[in-house]
Every structure is written in structure tokens, then in C-alpha cells.
N, C-alpha and C. Protein backbone atom coordinates (compact mmCIF):
# COMPACT_ATOMS: atom_id res chain seq x y z
N MET A 1 -1.06 87.91 23.90
CA MET A 1 -2.30 87.08 23.42
C MET A 1 -2.84 87.24 22.43
N ASN A 2 -2.72 88.90 22.05
CA ASN A 2 -3.11 89.34 20.24
C ASN A 2 -2.37 88.51 19.49
N SER A 3 -1.41 88.66 20.16
CA SER A 3 -0.67 87.83 18.63
C SER A 3 -0.70 86.30 18.42
N ARG A 4 -0.83 85.90 19.63
CA ARG A 4 -1.53 84.31 19.31
C ARG A 4 -2.95 84.30 18.51
N LEU A 5 -3.50 85.15 18.86
CA LEU A 5 -4.79 85.38 18.37
C LEU A 5 -4.67 85.41 16.78
N SER A 6 -3.84 86.34 16.78
CA SER A 6 -3.70 87.18 14.86
C SER A 6 -3.00 85.97 14.18
N PHE A 7 -2.37 85.25 14.88
CA PHE A 7 -1.00 84.11 14.19
C PHE A 7 -1.87 82.91 13.88
N SER A 8 -3.04 82.72 14.91
CA SER A 8 -3.89 81.40 14.52
C SER A 8 -5.01 82.27 13.46
N ALA A 9 -5.55 82.76 13.39
CA ALA A 9 -6.12 83.35 12.27
C ALA A 9 -5.68 83.75 10.95
N ALA A 10 -4.24 83.81 10.96
CA ALA A 10 -3.32 84.31 9.64
C ALA A 10 -3.36 82.46 9.20
N ILE A 11 -2.62 81.64 9.73
CA ILE A 11 -2.67 80.57 10.04
C ILE A 11 -4.01 79.41 9.12
N VAL A 12 -5.49 80.06 9.99
CA VAL A 12 -6.63 79.55 9.17
C VAL A 12 -7.13 79.90 8.06
N LEU A 13 -6.73 81.40 7.72
CA LEU A 13 -6.94 82.07 6.49
C LEU A 13 -5.97 81.73 5.33
N LEU A 14 -4.27 81.18 5.58
CA LEU A 14 -3.75 80.67 4.82
C LEU A 14 -4.46 79.18 4.37
N LEU A 15 -4.58 78.17 5.18
CA LEU A 15 -5.16 76.90 5.27
C LEU A 15 -6.33 76.97 4.54
N ALA A 16 -6.99 77.81 4.85
CA ALA A 16 -8.35 77.57 3.99
C ALA A 16 -8.37 78.35 2.24
N SER A 17 -7.53 79.23 2.22
CA SER A 17 -7.41 79.51 0.68
C SER A 17 -6.32 78.63 -0.13
N CYS A 18 -5.13 77.51 0.57
CA CYS A 18 -4.55 77.03 0.00
C CYS A 18 -5.64 75.77 -0.51
N GLY A 19 -6.50 75.16 0.67
CA GLY A 19 -7.38 74.31 0.45
C GLY A 19 -8.29 74.25 -0.85
N GLY A 20 -8.53 75.41 -1.27
CA GLY A 20 -9.60 75.82 -2.46
C GLY A 20 -9.31 75.95 -3.65
N ALA A 21 -7.63 76.00 -3.58
CA ALA A 21 -6.74 75.73 -4.99
C ALA A 21 -7.53 74.90 -6.43
N THR A 22 -7.96 75.38 -7.29
CA THR A 22 -8.58 74.86 -8.27
C THR A 22 -7.29 74.71 -9.47
N ARG A 23 -7.37 73.58 -10.61
CA ARG A 23 -6.41 73.96 -11.34
C ARG A 23 -6.90 74.38 -12.76
N ASN A 24 -6.20 75.20 -13.17
CA ASN A 24 -6.73 76.04 -14.42
C ASN A 24 -6.25 75.43 -15.62
N SER A 25 -5.41 74.45 -15.74
CA SER A 25 -4.98 74.03 -16.76
C SER A 25 -6.19 73.56 -17.57
N THR A 26 -6.09 73.60 -19.45
CA THR A 26 -6.57 73.09 -20.35
C THR A 26 -6.55 71.59 -20.08
N ALA A 27 -5.44 70.98 -20.37
CA ALA A 27 -4.90 70.13 -20.03
C ALA A 27 -5.73 69.25 -18.88
N ASP A 28 -5.57 69.71 -17.79
CA ASP A 28 -6.34 68.71 -16.44
C ASP A 28 -7.93 68.76 -16.98
N SER A 29 -8.63 69.78 -17.71
CA SER A 29 -9.79 69.98 -17.60
C SER A 29 -10.51 69.09 -18.65
N VAL A 30 -9.64 68.63 -19.68
CA VAL A 30 -10.11 68.02 -20.76
C VAL A 30 -9.58 66.67 -20.28
N ALA A 31 -8.45 66.57 -19.75
CA ALA A 31 -8.89 64.95 -19.07
C ALA A 31 -9.86 64.25 -17.94
N VAL A 32 -10.07 65.40 -17.26
CA VAL A 32 -11.88 65.21 -16.15
C VAL A 32 -12.54 65.01 -17.16
N ASN A 33 -12.67 65.57 -18.24
CA ASN A 33 -14.09 65.63 -18.54
C ASN A 33 -14.42 64.96 -20.06
N ASP A 34 -13.02 64.23 -20.84
CA ASP A 34 -13.44 62.99 -21.73
C ASP A 34 -14.03 62.08 -21.56
N THR A 35 -15.17 62.46 -22.32
CA THR A 35 -16.07 61.09 -22.01
C THR A 35 -15.99 59.98 -23.09
N ALA A 36 -14.69 60.34 -23.95
CA ALA A 36 -14.23 59.20 -24.69
C ALA A 36 -13.36 57.97 -24.21
N LEU A 37 -13.25 58.30 -22.99
CA LEU A 37 -12.41 57.13 -22.34
C LEU A 37 -13.02 55.61 -22.18
N ASN A 38 -12.73 54.96 -22.17
CA ASN A 38 -13.08 53.86 -21.84
C ASN A 38 -13.01 53.04 -20.45
N VAL A 39 -13.98 53.45 -19.82
CA VAL A 39 -13.66 53.01 -18.35
C VAL A 39 -14.75 51.95 -18.05
N HIS A 40 -14.50 51.10 -17.98
CA HIS A 40 -15.46 49.63 -16.90
C HIS A 40 -15.63 49.64 -15.57
N PRO A 41 -16.87 49.69 -15.16
CA PRO A 41 -16.91 49.50 -13.73
C PRO A 41 -16.49 48.13 -13.37
N ASP A 42 -16.06 47.88 -11.97
CA ASP A 42 -15.66 46.96 -11.35
C ASP A 42 -16.71 46.17 -11.49
N ASN A 43 -17.37 45.00 -11.51
CA ASN A 43 -18.36 44.66 -11.58
C ASN A 43 -18.31 43.31 -10.32
N GLY A 44 -17.44 43.38 -9.92
CA GLY A 44 -17.14 42.23 -8.53
C GLY A 44 -17.37 43.14 -7.68
N SER A 45 -17.91 41.88 -6.28
CA SER A 45 -18.28 42.40 -4.96
C SER A 45 -17.99 40.78 -4.35
N SER A 46 -17.74 41.68 -3.07
CA SER A 46 -17.50 40.50 -1.74
C SER A 46 -18.38 39.17 -2.13
N LEU A 47 -18.10 38.31 -1.79
CA LEU A 47 -19.12 37.27 -1.55
C LEU A 47 -18.84 36.48 -0.05
N ASP A 48 -20.87 37.00 0.57
CA ASP A 48 -20.59 36.71 1.60
C ASP A 48 -20.58 35.34 2.18
N VAL A 49 -19.58 35.35 2.71
CA VAL A 49 -19.14 34.11 3.77
C VAL A 49 -18.87 34.10 4.96
N GLN A 50 -19.75 33.12 5.88
CA GLN A 50 -19.56 32.89 6.82
C GLN A 50 -19.45 31.61 7.36
N PRO A 51 -17.96 31.81 7.90
CA PRO A 51 -17.39 30.16 8.75
C PRO A 51 -18.19 29.33 9.57
N LEU A 52 -18.12 27.83 9.74
CA LEU A 52 -19.00 27.40 10.50
C LEU A 52 -17.48 27.13 11.06
N ASN A 53 -17.92 26.60 12.51
CA ASN A 53 -16.82 25.94 13.72
C ASN A 53 -17.76 24.89 14.10
N GLY A 54 -16.82 24.21 14.77
CA GLY A 54 -17.32 22.97 15.56
C GLY A 54 -17.54 21.75 14.81
N TYR A 55 -16.96 21.73 13.64
CA TYR A 55 -17.29 20.48 13.23
C TYR A 55 -16.32 19.92 12.76
N PHE A 56 -16.14 18.23 12.23
CA PHE A 56 -15.22 17.38 12.05
C PHE A 56 -15.50 16.80 10.95
N VAL A 57 -14.79 16.26 10.28
CA VAL A 57 -14.81 15.53 8.79
C VAL A 57 -14.99 14.00 9.54
N LYS A 58 -15.74 13.24 9.38
CA LYS A 58 -16.59 11.38 10.02
C LYS A 58 -15.05 10.91 9.17
N ASN A 59 -15.29 9.60 10.47
CA ASN A 59 -13.83 9.19 10.02
C ASN A 59 -14.16 7.95 8.68
N THR A 60 -15.88 7.68 8.42
CA THR A 60 -16.24 7.37 7.36
C THR A 60 -15.71 7.62 6.05
N ILE A 61 -14.91 8.88 6.03
CA ILE A 61 -14.86 9.47 4.74
C ILE A 61 -13.32 9.60 4.48
N GLN A 62 -12.77 9.18 4.25
CA GLN A 62 -11.08 8.79 3.05
C GLN A 62 -11.19 10.02 1.89
N VAL A 63 -10.45 11.16 3.14
CA VAL A 63 -9.93 11.97 2.00
C VAL A 63 -8.25 11.82 1.47
N ASN A 64 -8.37 11.43 0.04
CA ASN A 64 -7.29 11.45 -0.88
C ASN A 64 -6.35 12.53 -1.53
N ASP A 65 -7.22 13.96 -2.25
CA ASP A 65 -6.66 14.64 -3.06
C ASP A 65 -5.95 15.76 -1.74
N SER A 66 -5.02 16.63 -2.14
CA SER A 66 -4.20 17.44 -1.24
C SER A 66 -5.27 18.29 -1.04
N LEU A 67 -6.25 18.77 -1.79
CA LEU A 67 -7.63 19.86 -1.49
C LEU A 67 -8.60 18.82 -2.08
N THR A 68 -9.60 18.66 -1.04
CA THR A 68 -11.09 18.48 -1.50
C THR A 68 -11.87 19.32 -0.91
N PHE A 69 -12.61 20.03 -2.14
CA PHE A 69 -14.10 20.93 -1.94
C PHE A 69 -15.39 20.09 -2.07
N TRP A 70 -16.41 20.35 -1.28
CA TRP A 70 -17.56 19.87 -1.81
C TRP A 70 -18.83 21.13 -1.50
N LEU A 71 -19.52 21.34 -2.47
CA LEU A 71 -20.74 22.30 -2.29
C LEU A 71 -21.95 21.43 -2.07
N ILE A 72 -22.26 21.55 -0.48
CA ILE A 72 -23.29 20.70 -0.17
C ILE A 72 -24.91 21.77 -0.28
N ASP A 73 -25.76 20.96 -0.11
CA ASP A 73 -27.17 21.61 -0.64
C ASP A 73 -27.80 21.49 0.11
N ASN A 74 -27.88 20.09 1.01
CA ASN A 74 -29.01 19.73 2.07
C ASN A 74 -28.49 18.76 3.22
N PRO A 75 -29.10 18.88 4.34
CA PRO A 75 -28.71 18.52 5.56
C PRO A 75 -28.53 16.96 5.50
N ALA A 76 -29.05 16.18 4.80
CA ALA A 76 -28.65 14.93 4.88
C ALA A 76 -27.20 14.33 4.31
N THR A 77 -27.16 14.87 3.09
CA THR A 77 -25.52 15.13 2.75
C THR A 77 -24.50 15.87 3.58
N PHE A 78 -24.57 16.75 4.16
CA PHE A 78 -24.19 17.38 5.49
C PHE A 78 -23.61 16.32 6.47
N ASP A 79 -24.97 15.91 7.14
CA ASP A 79 -24.34 15.28 8.38
C ASP A 79 -24.35 13.67 8.23
N SER A 80 -23.83 13.19 6.90
CA SER A 80 -23.03 12.37 6.41
C SER A 80 -21.32 12.33 6.04
N LEU A 81 -21.37 13.60 6.01
CA LEU A 81 -19.42 13.92 5.91
C LEU A 81 -19.16 14.51 6.94
N PHE A 82 -19.98 15.49 7.55
CA PHE A 82 -19.23 15.78 9.10
C PHE A 82 -19.83 15.46 10.60
N GLY A 83 -19.41 15.39 11.50
CA GLY A 83 -19.76 15.17 13.12
C GLY A 83 -19.35 16.74 14.06
N VAL A 84 -20.00 16.68 14.94
CA VAL A 84 -20.56 18.01 15.79
C VAL A 84 -19.17 17.75 16.68
N ALA A 85 -18.43 18.84 16.90
CA ALA A 85 -17.38 18.88 17.99
C ALA A 85 -17.76 19.64 19.02
N LYS A 86 -19.08 19.03 19.89
CA LYS A 86 -19.66 19.88 20.49
C LYS A 86 -18.63 19.90 22.17
N THR A 87 -18.59 21.27 22.70
CA THR A 87 -17.99 21.25 24.14
C THR A 87 -19.01 21.97 24.87
N MET A 88 -18.60 22.10 26.23
CA MET A 88 -18.96 22.94 27.22
C MET A 88 -19.29 24.27 26.57
N ASN A 89 -18.42 24.68 26.15
CA ASN A 89 -18.23 26.00 25.98
C ASN A 89 -18.37 26.82 24.64
N ASN A 90 -18.42 25.50 23.22
CA ASN A 90 -18.50 26.11 22.40
C ASN A 90 -20.08 26.12 21.88
N LYS A 91 -20.77 26.94 20.53
CA LYS A 91 -22.00 26.83 20.22
C LYS A 91 -21.59 26.45 18.99
N ILE A 92 -22.65 25.85 18.52
CA ILE A 92 -22.71 24.99 16.92
C ILE A 92 -23.80 25.71 16.24
N ASP A 93 -23.19 26.16 15.09
CA ASP A 93 -24.04 26.70 14.12
C ASP A 93 -24.38 26.01 12.91
N ARG A 94 -25.88 25.44 13.10
CA ARG A 94 -26.69 24.86 12.12
C ARG A 94 -26.59 25.39 10.89
N PRO A 95 -26.52 25.01 9.42
CA PRO A 95 -26.32 25.91 8.45
C PRO A 95 -28.27 25.47 8.02
N ASP A 96 -28.79 26.90 7.60
CA ASP A 96 -30.19 26.88 7.11
C ASP A 96 -30.23 26.78 5.49
N PHE A 97 -30.14 25.16 5.09
CA PHE A 97 -30.35 24.97 3.98
C PHE A 97 -31.21 25.32 3.15
N GLY A 98 -32.39 25.85 3.83
CA GLY A 98 -33.23 26.97 2.89
C GLY A 98 -32.66 28.28 2.36
N THR A 99 -31.63 28.90 2.72
CA THR A 99 -31.18 30.13 2.56
C THR A 99 -29.62 29.85 1.77
N HIS A 100 -29.43 29.01 2.36
CA HIS A 100 -27.75 28.83 2.13
C HIS A 100 -27.04 27.80 1.70
N VAL A 101 -26.21 27.38 0.96
CA VAL A 101 -25.04 25.96 0.43
C VAL A 101 -24.04 26.28 1.45
N VAL A 102 -23.68 24.95 1.75
CA VAL A 102 -22.04 25.20 2.81
C VAL A 102 -21.49 24.56 1.27
N VAL A 103 -20.12 25.47 1.80
CA VAL A 103 -18.60 25.01 1.15
C VAL A 103 -17.60 24.49 1.78
N ALA A 104 -17.10 23.66 1.58
CA ALA A 104 -16.20 22.76 2.54
C ALA A 104 -14.84 22.22 1.87
N ALA A 105 -14.13 22.60 2.32
CA ALA A 105 -12.94 22.30 1.92
C ALA A 105 -11.88 21.23 3.18
N THR A 106 -11.04 20.29 2.56
CA THR A 106 -10.56 19.82 3.27
C THR A 106 -9.44 18.91 3.04
N MET A 107 -8.34 18.15 3.63
CA MET A 107 -7.08 17.53 3.26
C MET A 107 -7.17 16.31 3.85
N PRO A 108 -6.26 15.56 3.49
CA PRO A 108 -5.85 14.17 3.87
C PRO A 108 -5.16 14.44 5.45
N ALA A 109 -5.00 13.33 5.98
CA ALA A 109 -4.63 13.59 7.68
C ALA A 109 -3.25 14.05 7.65
N THR A 110 -3.34 14.68 8.84
CA THR A 110 -1.58 15.17 8.75
C THR A 110 -1.29 15.32 9.95
N PHE A 111 0.06 15.18 9.79
CA PHE A 111 0.65 15.17 11.91
C PHE A 111 1.18 16.60 12.00
N TYR A 112 1.11 17.40 11.02
CA TYR A 112 1.64 19.05 10.86
C TYR A 112 0.59 19.81 11.27
N GLY A 113 -0.70 19.79 11.90
CA GLY A 113 -1.43 20.90 12.43
C GLY A 113 -1.74 22.10 11.02
N THR A 114 -1.91 21.50 10.24
CA THR A 114 -2.64 22.25 9.13
C THR A 114 -3.96 22.76 9.35
N GLN A 115 -3.93 24.11 8.86
CA GLN A 115 -4.96 24.52 8.56
C GLN A 115 -5.17 25.37 7.46
N ILE A 116 -6.74 25.33 7.31
CA ILE A 116 -6.88 25.64 5.77
C ILE A 116 -7.78 26.76 5.80
N GLN A 117 -7.78 28.00 5.53
CA GLN A 117 -7.76 28.96 5.72
C GLN A 117 -8.76 29.79 3.99
N LEU A 118 -9.82 30.78 4.28
CA LEU A 118 -10.35 31.17 3.24
C LEU A 118 -9.67 32.69 2.86
N ALA A 119 -8.63 32.54 2.05
CA ALA A 119 -7.96 34.04 1.29
C ALA A 119 -8.82 35.26 0.95
N SER A 120 -9.51 34.78 0.14
CA SER A 120 -10.52 35.74 -0.57
C SER A 120 -11.84 35.05 -0.75
N ALA A 121 -13.22 35.71 -1.39
CA ALA A 121 -14.14 35.29 -1.44
C ALA A 121 -14.74 36.38 -2.51
N THR A 122 -15.07 36.20 -4.00
CA THR A 122 -15.74 37.18 -4.80
C THR A 122 -16.85 36.91 -5.76
N THR A 123 -17.62 37.83 -5.70
CA THR A 123 -18.88 36.93 -6.56
C THR A 123 -18.87 38.14 -7.95
N ASP A 124 -18.75 37.72 -8.93
CA ASP A 124 -19.30 38.31 -10.22
C ASP A 124 -20.59 38.80 -10.55
N ASP A 125 -20.52 40.29 -10.11
CA ASP A 125 -22.28 40.94 -10.47
C ASP A 125 -23.03 40.61 -11.51
N LEU A 126 -22.16 40.91 -12.93
CA LEU A 126 -22.87 40.29 -14.25
C LEU A 126 -23.32 39.10 -14.38
N THR A 127 -22.30 38.25 -14.06
CA THR A 127 -22.57 36.50 -14.66
C THR A 127 -22.90 35.16 -12.99
N ASN A 128 -23.09 36.23 -11.97
CA ASN A 128 -23.46 35.96 -10.74
C ASN A 128 -22.50 34.63 -10.52
N ASN A 129 -21.39 34.65 -11.44
CA ASN A 129 -20.11 33.29 -10.86
C ASN A 129 -19.74 33.75 -9.31
N ALA A 130 -19.18 32.89 -8.92
CA ALA A 130 -18.02 33.45 -7.26
C ALA A 130 -17.01 32.74 -7.97
N GLU A 131 -15.96 32.88 -6.70
CA GLU A 131 -14.46 32.83 -6.64
C GLU A 131 -14.28 32.71 -5.04
N MET A 132 -13.35 31.72 -4.88
CA MET A 132 -13.24 30.95 -3.64
C MET A 132 -12.04 30.78 -3.85
N HIS A 133 -10.83 31.65 -2.88
CA HIS A 133 -8.89 31.27 -2.97
C HIS A 133 -8.69 30.66 -1.55
N PHE A 134 -8.41 29.59 -1.66
CA PHE A 134 -8.06 28.74 -0.59
C PHE A 134 -6.31 29.05 0.12
N VAL A 135 -5.98 28.73 1.15
CA VAL A 135 -4.66 28.63 1.67
C VAL A 135 -4.43 27.85 2.28
N ALA A 136 -3.40 26.61 2.30
CA ALA A 136 -3.07 25.87 3.86
C ALA A 136 -1.72 25.94 4.25
N ALA A 137 -1.91 25.73 5.52
CA ALA A 137 -0.53 26.27 5.94
C ALA A 137 -0.45 25.44 7.69
N GLY A 138 0.99 24.71 7.16
CA GLY A 138 0.99 23.80 8.44
C GLY A 138 2.07 23.83 9.64
N GLN A 139 2.15 23.50 10.37
CA GLN A 139 3.20 23.53 11.45
C GLN A 139 4.68 22.88 11.17
N ALA A 140 5.82 23.42 11.89
CA ALA A 140 7.19 22.82 11.14
C ALA A 140 7.41 21.27 12.04
N GLU A 141 6.68 21.22 12.92
CA GLU A 141 7.05 20.15 14.15
C GLU A 141 6.03 19.27 13.77
N LYS A 142 6.39 17.88 13.86
CA LYS A 142 5.32 16.99 13.63
C LYS A 142 4.76 16.76 15.04
N SER A 143 3.57 16.67 15.07
CA SER A 143 2.38 16.00 16.13
C SER A 143 2.66 14.68 16.56
N SER A 144 2.00 14.13 17.90
CA SER A 144 2.10 12.97 17.53
C SER A 144 0.85 12.38 17.45
N SER A 145 -0.18 13.06 17.36
CA SER A 145 -1.23 12.59 16.60
C SER A 145 -1.46 13.16 14.96
N SER A 146 -2.47 12.61 14.26
CA SER A 146 -3.34 13.62 12.76
C SER A 146 -4.33 13.75 13.33
N ILE A 147 -4.64 15.09 12.20
CA ILE A 147 -5.72 15.56 12.32
C ILE A 147 -6.26 15.94 10.97
N VAL A 148 -7.55 15.58 10.65
CA VAL A 148 -7.62 15.81 9.05
C VAL A 148 -8.62 17.52 9.08
N PRO A 149 -7.44 18.22 8.25
CA PRO A 149 -7.88 19.95 8.27
C PRO A 149 -9.02 19.94 7.72
N LEU A 150 -9.81 21.07 8.20
CA LEU A 150 -11.36 21.47 7.31
C LEU A 150 -11.57 22.51 7.47
N TRP A 151 -12.09 23.18 6.84
CA TRP A 151 -12.79 24.34 6.34
C TRP A 151 -14.19 24.46 6.31
N ILE A 152 -15.34 25.05 6.70
CA ILE A 152 -16.64 24.92 6.43
C ILE A 152 -17.03 26.29 6.62
N GLY A 153 -18.16 26.47 5.30
CA GLY A 153 -18.77 28.20 5.09
C GLY A 153 -20.26 27.92 4.99
N ILE A 154 -20.54 28.91 5.02
CA ILE A 154 -22.09 28.97 4.15
C ILE A 154 -21.86 30.66 3.85
N ILE A 155 -22.83 30.18 2.16
CA ILE A 155 -22.68 31.04 1.51
C ILE A 155 -24.24 31.47 1.15
N PRO A 156 -24.94 32.36 1.00
CA PRO A 156 -26.13 32.61 0.59
C PRO A 156 -26.85 31.83 -0.72
N LYS A 157 -27.63 31.33 -0.95
CA LYS A 157 -28.26 30.85 -2.55
C LYS A 157 -28.95 32.38 -2.89
N THR A 158 -27.95 32.54 -3.94
CA THR A 158 -28.50 33.90 -4.61
C THR A 158 -28.18 33.82 -5.71
N GLY A 159 -28.28 32.06 -6.17
CA GLY A 159 -28.33 32.04 -7.94
C GLY A 159 -26.50 32.18 -8.33
N GLN A 160 -25.76 31.81 -7.32
CA GLN A 160 -24.03 31.88 -8.06
C GLN A 160 -24.37 30.26 -8.71
N SER A 161 -24.54 30.27 -9.95
CA SER A 161 -24.14 28.95 -10.89
C SER A 161 -22.76 28.23 -10.53
N ASN A 162 -21.49 28.90 -10.64
CA ASN A 162 -20.65 28.39 -10.72
C ASN A 162 -19.73 28.81 -9.65
N ILE A 163 -18.99 28.14 -8.77
CA ILE A 163 -18.28 28.39 -7.64
C ILE A 163 -16.48 27.80 -8.20
N LYS A 164 -15.82 29.08 -9.03
CA LYS A 164 -14.62 28.34 -9.17
C LYS A 164 -13.84 28.37 -7.29
N VAL A 165 -12.86 27.30 -7.07
CA VAL A 165 -12.17 26.86 -5.84
C VAL A 165 -10.95 26.82 -6.35
N TYR A 166 -9.79 27.99 -5.66
CA TYR A 166 -8.65 28.04 -5.86
C TYR A 166 -7.88 27.71 -4.75
N THR A 167 -6.46 27.03 -4.55
CA THR A 167 -5.83 26.96 -3.91
C THR A 167 -4.21 27.86 -4.35
N GLY A 168 -4.79 28.98 -3.45
CA GLY A 168 -3.87 29.95 -3.73
C GLY A 168 -4.10 30.70 -5.14
N ASP A 169 -3.27 30.64 -5.99
CA ASP A 169 -3.45 31.11 -7.43
C ASP A 169 -4.08 30.19 -8.44
N GLN A 170 -4.52 28.55 -7.87
CA GLN A 170 -4.53 27.58 -9.02
C GLN A 170 -5.39 27.02 -9.12
N LEU A 171 -6.41 27.37 -10.20
CA LEU A 171 -7.64 26.86 -9.92
C LEU A 171 -7.84 25.23 -9.72
N SER A 172 -8.68 24.62 -8.76
CA SER A 172 -8.48 23.70 -8.58
C SER A 172 -9.59 22.62 -8.72
N THR A 173 -10.81 23.06 -9.22
CA THR A 173 -12.31 22.59 -9.63
C THR A 173 -13.10 24.22 -9.53
N THR A 174 -14.07 23.82 -10.46
CA THR A 174 -15.10 24.65 -10.04
C THR A 174 -16.68 23.92 -10.24
N LEU A 175 -16.89 24.30 -8.78
CA LEU A 175 -18.21 23.78 -8.12
C LEU A 175 -19.51 24.16 -8.50
N THR A 176 -20.42 23.53 -9.50
CA THR A 176 -21.89 24.11 -9.81
C THR A 176 -23.46 23.95 -8.94
N THR A 177 -23.87 25.00 -8.53
CA THR A 177 -25.28 24.70 -7.62
C THR A 177 -25.97 24.03 -8.79
N LYS A 178 -27.31 23.63 -7.86
CA LYS A 178 -28.51 22.92 -8.68
C LYS A 178 -29.39 24.35 -8.26
N GLU A 179 -30.14 24.54 -9.45
CA GLU A 179 -30.65 26.02 -8.90
C GLU A 179 -32.43 25.47 -9.64
């Protein structure tokens, strides 16, 4: 029993002595303490995006482009574009246009079960501009009915003046907010 305790104590001492090792090389200390390095902080941060579910593009809206993007800042425009897909089990979140704007992406009707997804959303803290990257993926098999793919989300009204919207890495459009 004592030999196990002694062995355990030796391992702990060995780990403690190795963990506290420091570098004494002058090259290392110069690199760490060199204030002449041109280091830029990362000015970007994640854009607070909350997806909304339970909406569809109204039949009166004709979507012709491969991806169409909207920036909506009032309930009248929102209600003219989208209908509510209410079921017994889902909860419909209504956007608060006093504190948020709606960003929407849609495509023409398709028989291939296509879904639009937000891949990333960032904001530049210095310029207050934002970037949103979307991807669209469809099923290989053709369905018997068509759907109009739709993605809707809200972002806070924090003064983003320009929102660059990308399809993958390709810039599709720049949405400008009204302030």
C-alpha cells in the first residue's frame, strides 16, 4: 500500500514540475514582448439572428430570381408578403418591428423539396455593417407537389446600415436599412 502511495506522490510531483516549465530562450522572450508587431483585433462578431417558423410566401407574390432577399421593417409589408401556417401544435412568433427588422430569402416554386438555410451571419463592429451567407439544398427526387422555399429571420435594430447577402460565397445583393 505504501509503495502505491509513494508511486502516486512521485507522479504528482513529476507532473507539477513539468507543468511549471518556462522558456528561457531570449528569442522566445523577444517574440512575446515585441510591441512592434502589427496586430489587428478581430472587429467582427456574430450577428444575433432568430429564425421565424410558421410562415409561407403568399400565392399573390411571384418570385422569379433564383434567390430573392427582402428586408422588412413594418408589419404591413410583412403581412402583404407572408401568410401564417398555423397548425394545432406550432407556435407562431410575430416579429416586433419596434426592436427588430425581418430578413427573408425565397426562391421560385420547385418540385425538389428545396430548403434555404442561413450558413453564417456576422457584423462588423466598427462599420456596423453585416454579412449573411445563405445556402440552398434540394432533394434529388422530384415530388408530386411544388413548394416555395422560404427562410425568415429577425435581427435587432441596432443600426446596421448595410447587410451584404451572399449565396454561398457569391454576393447576391446589399440590403440597406432605413434609420
